[in-house]
Amino acid sequence: MHTSFSDEREQVVYEMATCLANSRWVLQGLYDRAVKALGHVGITDVITLMGYYTNVSMTLAFYDVPTGAPGMAR
């Protein structure tokens, strides 16, 4: 399934996230488009956010936190 966005930056972020989450090598074409659309700082921001949200989701999964648990609404 291919997902597409009308905004080039959104498309690049989606493709980066999909590629990295699936442990694939980043192809040169995606790398070039990401640098052009986001710059190196923007690329680092995306990767950092992916790491943060992955950490949160793994922590919640480890402790088996149910949806709607008390304290989650903060």
Protein backbone atom coordinates (compact mmCIF):
# COMPACT_ATOMS: atom_id res chain seq x y z
CA MET A 1 0.00 0.00 0.00
CA HIS A 2 1.37 3.39 -0.96
CA THR A 3 0.37 6.52 0.96
CA SER A 4 0.81 9.93 -0.56
CA PHE A 5 0.59 13.46 0.77
CA SER A 6 0.18 16.65 -1.21
CA ASP A 7 2.79 18.37 0.96
CA GLU A 8 6.35 17.35 0.04
CA ARG A 9 7.63 17.66 3.64
CA GLU A 10 4.85 15.42 4.95
CA GLN A 11 5.58 12.86 2.25
CA VAL A 12 9.28 12.80 3.06
CA VAL A 13 8.61 12.46 6.81
CA TYR A 14 6.19 9.59 6.15
CA GLU A 15 8.68 7.80 3.90
CA MET A 16 11.54 8.34 6.36
CA ALA A 17 9.49 7.03 9.28
CA THR A 18 8.30 4.00 7.33
CA CYS A 19 11.78 3.21 6.07
CA LEU A 20 13.50 3.56 9.43
CA ALA A 21 10.75 1.78 11.40
CA ASN A 22 11.04 -1.19 9.07
CA SER A 23 14.83 -1.32 9.57
CA ARG A 24 15.56 -0.64 5.94
CA TRP A 25 18.48 1.21 4.48
CA VAL A 26 17.60 4.72 3.36
CA LEU A 27 17.93 4.88 -0.39
CA GLN A 28 19.92 7.73 -1.90
CA GLY A 29 16.83 9.23 -3.53
CA LEU A 30 14.95 9.44 -0.21
CA TYR A 31 18.07 10.80 1.49
CA ASP A 32 18.42 13.54 -1.15
CA ARG A 33 14.72 14.48 -0.98
CA ALA A 34 14.83 14.58 2.83
CA VAL A 35 17.87 16.84 2.89
CA LYS A 36 16.22 19.15 0.35
CA ALA A 37 12.84 19.24 2.12
CA LEU A 38 13.90 19.19 5.78
CA GLY A 39 17.60 19.94 6.00
CA HIS A 40 19.87 18.01 8.33
CA VAL A 41 18.41 19.64 11.46
CA GLY A 42 14.87 18.71 10.38
CA ILE A 43 15.94 15.13 9.64
CA THR A 44 17.49 14.88 13.10
CA ASP A 45 14.29 16.28 14.65
CA VAL A 46 12.17 13.63 12.90
CA ILE A 47 14.47 10.80 13.98
CA THR A 48 14.58 12.12 17.56
CA LEU A 49 10.77 12.32 17.73
CA MET A 50 10.49 8.80 16.33
CA GLY A 51 12.82 7.59 19.07
CA TYR A 52 10.89 9.40 21.77
CA TYR A 53 7.50 8.02 20.72
CA THR A 54 8.97 4.54 20.27
CA ASN A 55 10.34 4.74 23.81
CA VAL A 56 6.96 5.81 25.20
CA SER A 57 5.06 3.07 23.33
CA MET A 58 7.52 0.37 24.42
CA THR A 59 7.31 1.52 28.05
CA LEU A 60 3.51 1.46 27.99
CA ALA A 61 3.56 -1.97 26.36
CA PHE A 62 6.06 -3.36 28.87
CA TYR A 63 3.97 -2.28 31.83
CA ASP A 64 0.78 -3.30 30.00
CA VAL A 65 -0.87 0.06 30.61
CA PRO A 66 -4.51 -0.16 29.50
CA THR A 67 -6.21 2.49 27.40
CA GLY A 68 -7.80 5.15 29.57
CA ALA A 69 -5.75 4.25 32.66
CA PRO A 70 -5.94 6.77 35.53
CA GLY A 71 -3.35 9.51 35.08
CA MET A 72 -3.19 9.09 31.31
CA ALA A 73 -5.39 12.16 30.70
CA ARG A 74 -2.68 14.56 31.91
